[in-house]
Amino acid sequence: MSTPSAAARREVYRIDWLPGTDALHGTCHCGAENTAEDPVRMWEWMLAHPEGHQPGGTTS
């Protein structure tokens, strides 16, 4: 069995809506988490990786 190539590996970004709020909770592929109400702000945070990321921690 071979090891997946760099092209075959994927970075997974997850954004969940927190029911009953306007908040979104994002989890980056590195494990860092963030909560924001603005979807654009959330995606900017995720795509700015690693700037502003603290794996396993939450920022706002």
PDB file of N, CA and C in Angstrom:
ATOM      1  N   MET A   1       0.849  -1.186   0.000  1.00  0.00           N
ATOM      2  CA  MET A   1       0.000   0.000   0.000  1.00  0.00           C
ATOM      3  C   MET A   1       0.885   1.237   0.000  1.00  0.00           C
ATOM      4  N   SER A   2       0.548   2.221  -0.795  1.00  0.00           N
ATOM      5  CA  SER A   2       1.370   3.423  -0.895  1.00  0.00           C
ATOM      6  C   SER A   2       0.825   4.553  -0.034  1.00  0.00           C
ATOM      7  N   THR A   3       1.693   5.511   0.218  1.00  0.00           N
ATOM      8  CA  THR A   3       1.323   6.696   0.991  1.00  0.00           C
ATOM      9  C   THR A   3       0.659   7.701   0.058  1.00  0.00           C
ATOM     10  N   PRO A   4      -0.420   8.359   0.493  1.00  0.00           N
ATOM     11  CA  PRO A   4      -1.085   9.345  -0.374  1.00  0.00           C
ATOM     12  C   PRO A   4      -0.129  10.475  -0.759  1.00  0.00           C
ATOM     13  N   SER A   5      -0.202  10.905  -1.996  1.00  0.00           N
ATOM     14  CA  SER A   5       0.624  12.022  -2.442  1.00  0.00           C
ATOM     15  C   SER A   5       0.087  13.316  -1.846  1.00  0.00           C
ATOM     16  N   ALA A   6       0.882  14.367  -1.938  1.00  0.00           N
ATOM     17  CA  ALA A   6       0.462  15.676  -1.411  1.00  0.00           C
ATOM     18  C   ALA A   6      -0.827  16.127  -2.088  1.00  0.00           C
ATOM     19  N   ALA A   7      -0.983  15.830  -3.368  1.00  0.00           N
ATOM     20  CA  ALA A   7      -2.189  16.230  -4.099  1.00  0.00           C
ATOM     21  C   ALA A   7      -3.412  15.470  -3.613  1.00  0.00           C
ATOM     22  N   ALA A   8      -3.210  14.248  -3.123  1.00  0.00           N
ATOM     23  CA  ALA A   8      -4.337  13.427  -2.689  1.00  0.00           C
ATOM     24  C   ALA A   8      -4.812  13.797  -1.288  1.00  0.00           C
ATOM     25  N   ARG A   9      -3.930  14.398  -0.475  1.00  0.00           N
ATOM     26  CA  ARG A   9      -4.323  14.805   0.884  1.00  0.00           C
ATOM     27  C   ARG A   9      -5.144  16.086   0.793  1.00  0.00           C
ATOM     28  N   ARG A  10      -6.140  16.176   1.645  1.00  0.00           N
ATOM     29  CA  ARG A  10      -7.019  17.357   1.622  1.00  0.00           C
ATOM     30  C   ARG A  10      -7.010  18.052   2.960  1.00  0.00           C
ATOM     31  N   GLU A  11      -7.135  19.363   2.897  1.00  0.00           N
ATOM     32  CA  GLU A  11      -7.319  20.160   4.102  1.00  0.00           C
ATOM     33  C   GLU A  11      -8.819  20.286   4.296  1.00  0.00           C
ATOM     34  N   VAL A  12      -9.301  19.945   5.477  1.00  0.00           N
ATOM     35  CA  VAL A  12     -10.737  19.985   5.745  1.00  0.00           C
ATOM     36  C   VAL A  12     -11.043  21.163   6.664  1.00  0.00           C
ATOM     37  N   TYR A  13     -11.929  22.013   6.208  1.00  0.00           N
ATOM     38  CA  TYR A  13     -12.405  23.156   6.980  1.00  0.00           C
ATOM     39  C   TYR A  13     -13.865  22.881   7.300  1.00  0.00           C
ATOM     40  N   ARG A  14     -14.261  23.127   8.534  1.00  0.00           N
ATOM     41  CA  ARG A  14     -15.641  22.849   8.916  1.00  0.00           C
ATOM     42  C   ARG A  14     -16.221  24.087   9.584  1.00  0.00           C
ATOM     43  N   ILE A  15     -17.409  24.487   9.133  1.00  0.00           N
ATOM     44  CA  ILE A  15     -18.125  25.602   9.748  1.00  0.00           C
ATOM     45  C   ILE A  15     -19.524  25.108  10.091  1.00  0.00           C
ATOM     46  N   ASP A  16     -19.879  25.247  11.362  1.00  0.00           N
ATOM     47  CA  ASP A  16     -21.197  24.843  11.844  1.00  0.00           C
ATOM     48  C   ASP A  16     -21.936  26.067  12.360  1.00  0.00           C
ATOM     49  N   TRP A  17     -23.229  26.109  12.086  1.00  0.00           N
ATOM     50  CA  TRP A  17     -24.096  27.144  12.643  1.00  0.00           C
ATOM     51  C   TRP A  17     -24.490  26.701  14.031  1.00  0.00           C
ATOM     52  N   LEU A  18     -24.436  27.613  14.991  1.00  0.00           N
ATOM     53  CA  LEU A  18     -24.849  27.310  16.359  1.00  0.00           C
ATOM     54  C   LEU A  18     -26.332  27.652  16.488  1.00  0.00           C
ATOM     55  N   PRO A  19     -27.214  26.643  16.513  1.00  0.00           N
ATOM     56  CA  PRO A  19     -28.663  26.862  16.545  1.00  0.00           C
ATOM     57  C   PRO A  19     -29.081  27.827  17.658  1.00  0.00           C
ATOM     58  N   GLY A  20     -30.036  28.677  17.319  1.00  0.00           N
ATOM     59  CA  GLY A  20     -30.561  29.642  18.280  1.00  0.00           C
ATOM     60  C   GLY A  20     -29.726  30.905  18.376  1.00  0.00           C
ATOM     61  N   THR A  21     -28.666  31.000  17.552  1.00  0.00           N
ATOM     62  CA  THR A  21     -27.794  32.182  17.560  1.00  0.00           C
ATOM     63  C   THR A  21     -27.498  32.585  16.120  1.00  0.00           C
ATOM     64  N   ASP A  22     -26.788  33.684  15.974  1.00  0.00           N
ATOM     65  CA  ASP A  22     -26.287  34.100  14.664  1.00  0.00           C
ATOM     66  C   ASP A  22     -24.827  33.678  14.508  1.00  0.00           C
ATOM     67  N   ALA A  23     -24.327  32.889  15.443  1.00  0.00           N
ATOM     68  CA  ALA A  23     -22.913  32.540  15.478  1.00  0.00           C
ATOM     69  C   ALA A  23     -22.580  31.318  14.621  1.00  0.00           C
ATOM     70  N   LEU A  24     -21.375  31.356  14.070  1.00  0.00           N
ATOM     71  CA  LEU A  24     -20.808  30.240  13.326  1.00  0.00           C
ATOM     72  C   LEU A  24     -19.585  29.756  14.084  1.00  0.00           C
ATOM     73  N   HIS A  25     -19.408  28.452  14.130  1.00  0.00           N
ATOM     74  CA  HIS A  25     -18.248  27.878  14.805  1.00  0.00           C
ATOM     75  C   HIS A  25     -17.415  27.161  13.750  1.00  0.00           C
ATOM     76  N   GLY A  26     -16.168  27.621  13.576  1.00  0.00           N
ATOM     77  CA  GLY A  26     -15.306  27.041  12.558  1.00  0.00           C
ATOM     78  C   GLY A  26     -14.186  26.225  13.160  1.00  0.00           C
ATOM     79  N   THR A  27     -13.849  25.137  12.478  1.00  0.00           N
ATOM     80  CA  THR A  27     -12.722  24.302  12.866  1.00  0.00           C
ATOM     81  C   THR A  27     -11.820  24.157  11.655  1.00  0.00           C
ATOM     82  N   CYS A  28     -10.570  24.562  11.803  1.00  0.00           N
ATOM     83  CA  CYS A  28      -9.580  24.488  10.733  1.00  0.00           C
ATOM     84  C   CYS A  28      -9.004  23.080  10.656  1.00  0.00           C
ATOM     85  N   HIS A  29      -8.374  22.766   9.549  1.00  0.00           N
ATOM     86  CA  HIS A  29      -7.753  21.450   9.379  1.00  0.00           C
ATOM     87  C   HIS A  29      -6.670  21.190  10.414  1.00  0.00           C
ATOM     88  N   CYS A  30      -6.109  22.254  11.020  1.00  0.00           N
ATOM     89  CA  CYS A  30      -5.057  22.071  12.026  1.00  0.00           C
ATOM     90  C   CYS A  30      -5.629  21.861  13.427  1.00  0.00           C
ATOM     91  N   GLY A  31      -6.954  21.989  13.567  1.00  0.00           N
ATOM     92  CA  GLY A  31      -7.593  21.796  14.865  1.00  0.00           C
ATOM     93  C   GLY A  31      -7.935  23.091  15.580  1.00  0.00           C
ATOM     94  N   ALA A  32      -7.464  24.230  15.071  1.00  0.00           N
ATOM     95  CA  ALA A  32      -7.790  25.519  15.674  1.00  0.00           C
ATOM     96  C   ALA A  32      -9.279  25.796  15.488  1.00  0.00           C
ATOM     97  N   GLU A  33      -9.872  26.486  16.456  1.00  0.00           N
ATOM     98  CA  GLU A  33     -11.302  26.796  16.413  1.00  0.00           C
ATOM     99  C   GLU A  33     -11.521  28.292  16.546  1.00  0.00           C
ATOM    100  N   ASN A  34     -12.628  28.771  16.002  1.00  0.00           N
ATOM    101  CA  ASN A  34     -12.981  30.179  16.046  1.00  0.00           C
ATOM    102  C   ASN A  34     -14.498  30.298  15.974  1.00  0.00           C
ATOM    103  N   THR A  35     -15.030  31.319  16.594  1.00  0.00           N
ATOM    104  CA  THR A  35     -16.459  31.604  16.538  1.00  0.00           C
ATOM    105  C   THR A  35     -16.644  33.032  16.056  1.00  0.00           C
ATOM    106  N   ALA A  36     -17.556  33.218  15.098  1.00  0.00           N
ATOM    107  CA  ALA A  36     -17.832  34.548  14.551  1.00  0.00           C
ATOM    108  C   ALA A  36     -19.259  34.585  14.032  1.00  0.00           C
ATOM    109  N   GLU A  37     -19.827  35.784  13.948  1.00  0.00           N
ATOM    110  CA  GLU A  37     -21.163  35.942  13.393  1.00  0.00           C
ATOM    111  C   GLU A  37     -21.123  36.230  11.893  1.00  0.00           C
ATOM    112  N   ASP A  38     -20.016  36.736  11.413  1.00  0.00           N
ATOM    113  CA  ASP A  38     -19.879  37.109  10.004  1.00  0.00           C
ATOM    114  C   ASP A  38     -19.219  35.980   9.210  1.00  0.00           C
ATOM    115  N   PRO A  39     -19.932  35.397   8.230  1.00  0.00           N
ATOM    116  CA  PRO A  39     -19.350  34.294   7.454  1.00  0.00           C
ATOM    117  C   PRO A  39     -18.081  34.696   6.697  1.00  0.00           C
ATOM    118  N   VAL A  40     -18.013  35.933   6.220  1.00  0.00           N
ATOM    119  CA  VAL A  40     -16.820  36.390   5.502  1.00  0.00           C
ATOM    120  C   VAL A  40     -15.632  36.429   6.455  1.00  0.00           C
ATOM    121  N   ARG A  41     -15.850  36.942   7.653  1.00  0.00           N
ATOM    122  CA  ARG A  41     -14.788  36.982   8.661  1.00  0.00           C
ATOM    123  C   ARG A  41     -14.302  35.570   9.003  1.00  0.00           C
ATOM    124  N   MET A  42     -15.241  34.642   9.088  1.00  0.00           N
ATOM    125  CA  MET A  42     -14.885  33.255   9.397  1.00  0.00           C
ATOM    126  C   MET A  42     -13.985  32.680   8.313  1.00  0.00           C
ATOM    127  N   TRP A  43     -14.375  32.851   7.036  1.00  0.00           N
ATOM    128  CA  TRP A  43     -13.562  32.307   5.948  1.00  0.00           C
ATOM    129  C   TRP A  43     -12.211  33.003   5.847  1.00  0.00           C
ATOM    130  N   GLU A  44     -12.172  34.306   6.085  1.00  0.00           N
ATOM    131  CA  GLU A  44     -10.888  35.011   6.074  1.00  0.00           C
ATOM    132  C   GLU A  44      -9.962  34.441   7.137  1.00  0.00           C
ATOM    133  N   TRP A  45     -10.512  34.162   8.315  1.00  0.00           N
ATOM    134  CA  TRP A  45      -9.714  33.579   9.390  1.00  0.00           C
ATOM    135  C   TRP A  45      -9.173  32.217   8.963  1.00  0.00           C
ATOM    136  N   MET A  46     -10.026  31.378   8.401  1.00  0.00           N
ATOM    137  CA  MET A  46      -9.593  30.042   8.001  1.00  0.00           C
ATOM    138  C   MET A  46      -8.542  30.076   6.906  1.00  0.00           C
ATOM    139  N   LEU A  47      -8.750  30.896   5.903  1.00  0.00           N
ATOM    140  CA  LEU A  47      -7.846  30.928   4.765  1.00  0.00           C
ATOM    141  C   LEU A  47      -6.550  31.682   5.045  1.00  0.00           C
ATOM    142  N   ALA A  48      -6.467  32.385   6.170  1.00  0.00           N
ATOM    143  CA  ALA A  48      -5.244  33.098   6.557  1.00  0.00           C
ATOM    144  C   ALA A  48      -4.263  32.177   7.268  1.00  0.00           C
ATOM    145  N   HIS A  49      -4.581  30.900   7.337  1.00  0.00           N
ATOM    146  CA  HIS A  49      -3.760  29.915   8.049  1.00  0.00           C
ATOM    147  C   HIS A  49      -2.288  30.050   7.679  1.00  0.00           C
ATOM    148  N   PRO A  50      -1.364  30.036   8.596  1.00  0.00           N
ATOM    149  CA  PRO A  50      -1.505  29.799  10.031  1.00  0.00           C
ATOM    150  C   PRO A  50      -1.653  31.074  10.849  1.00  0.00           C
ATOM    151  N   GLU A  51      -1.724  32.231  10.212  1.00  0.00           N
ATOM    152  CA  GLU A  51      -1.827  33.500  10.936  1.00  0.00           C
ATOM    153  C   GLU A  51      -3.106  33.535  11.771  1.00  0.00           C
ATOM    154  N   GLY A  52      -2.976  33.775  13.074  1.00  0.00           N
ATOM    155  CA  GLY A  52      -4.123  33.847  13.958  1.00  0.00           C
ATOM    156  C   GLY A  52      -4.606  32.505  14.467  1.00  0.00           C
ATOM    157  N   HIS A  53      -3.913  31.439  14.087  1.00  0.00           N
ATOM    158  CA  HIS A  53      -4.325  30.108  14.495  1.00  0.00           C
ATOM    159  C   HIS A  53      -3.521  29.626  15.692  1.00  0.00           C
ATOM    160  N   GLN A  54      -4.219  29.006  16.604  1.00  0.00           N
ATOM    161  CA  GLN A  54      -3.609  28.358  17.754  1.00  0.00           C
ATOM    162  C   GLN A  54      -4.261  26.996  17.853  1.00  0.00           C
ATOM    163  N   PRO A  55      -3.645  25.955  17.298  1.00  0.00           N
ATOM    164  CA  PRO A  55      -4.275  24.633  17.306  1.00  0.00           C
ATOM    165  C   PRO A  55      -4.786  24.238  18.688  1.00  0.00           C
ATOM    166  N   GLY A  56      -6.034  23.767  18.694  1.00  0.00           N
ATOM    167  CA  GLY A  56      -6.657  23.329  19.939  1.00  0.00           C
ATOM    168  C   GLY A  56      -7.240  24.457  20.762  1.00  0.00           C
ATOM    169  N   GLY A  57      -7.034  25.709  20.349  1.00  0.00           N
ATOM    170  CA  GLY A  57      -7.542  26.856  21.102  1.00  0.00           C
ATOM    171  C   GLY A  57      -8.653  27.554  20.363  1.00  0.00           C
ATOM    172  N   THR A  58      -9.313  28.457  21.041  1.00  0.00           N
ATOM    173  CA  THR A  58     -10.402  29.217  20.434  1.00  0.00           C
ATOM    174  C   THR A  58     -10.024  30.690  20.419  1.00  0.00           C
ATOM    175  N   THR A  59     -10.288  31.362  19.305  1.00  0.00           N
ATOM    176  CA  THR A  59     -10.098  32.798  19.215  1.00  0.00           C
ATOM    177  C   THR A  59     -11.414  33.427  18.847  1.00  0.00           C
ATOM    178  N   SER A  60     -11.541  34.731  19.053  1.00  0.00           N
ATOM    179  CA  SER A  60     -12.789  35.388  18.661  1.00  0.00           C
ATOM    180  C   SER A  60     -12.534  36.607  17.838  1.00  0.00           C
TER     181      SER A  60
END
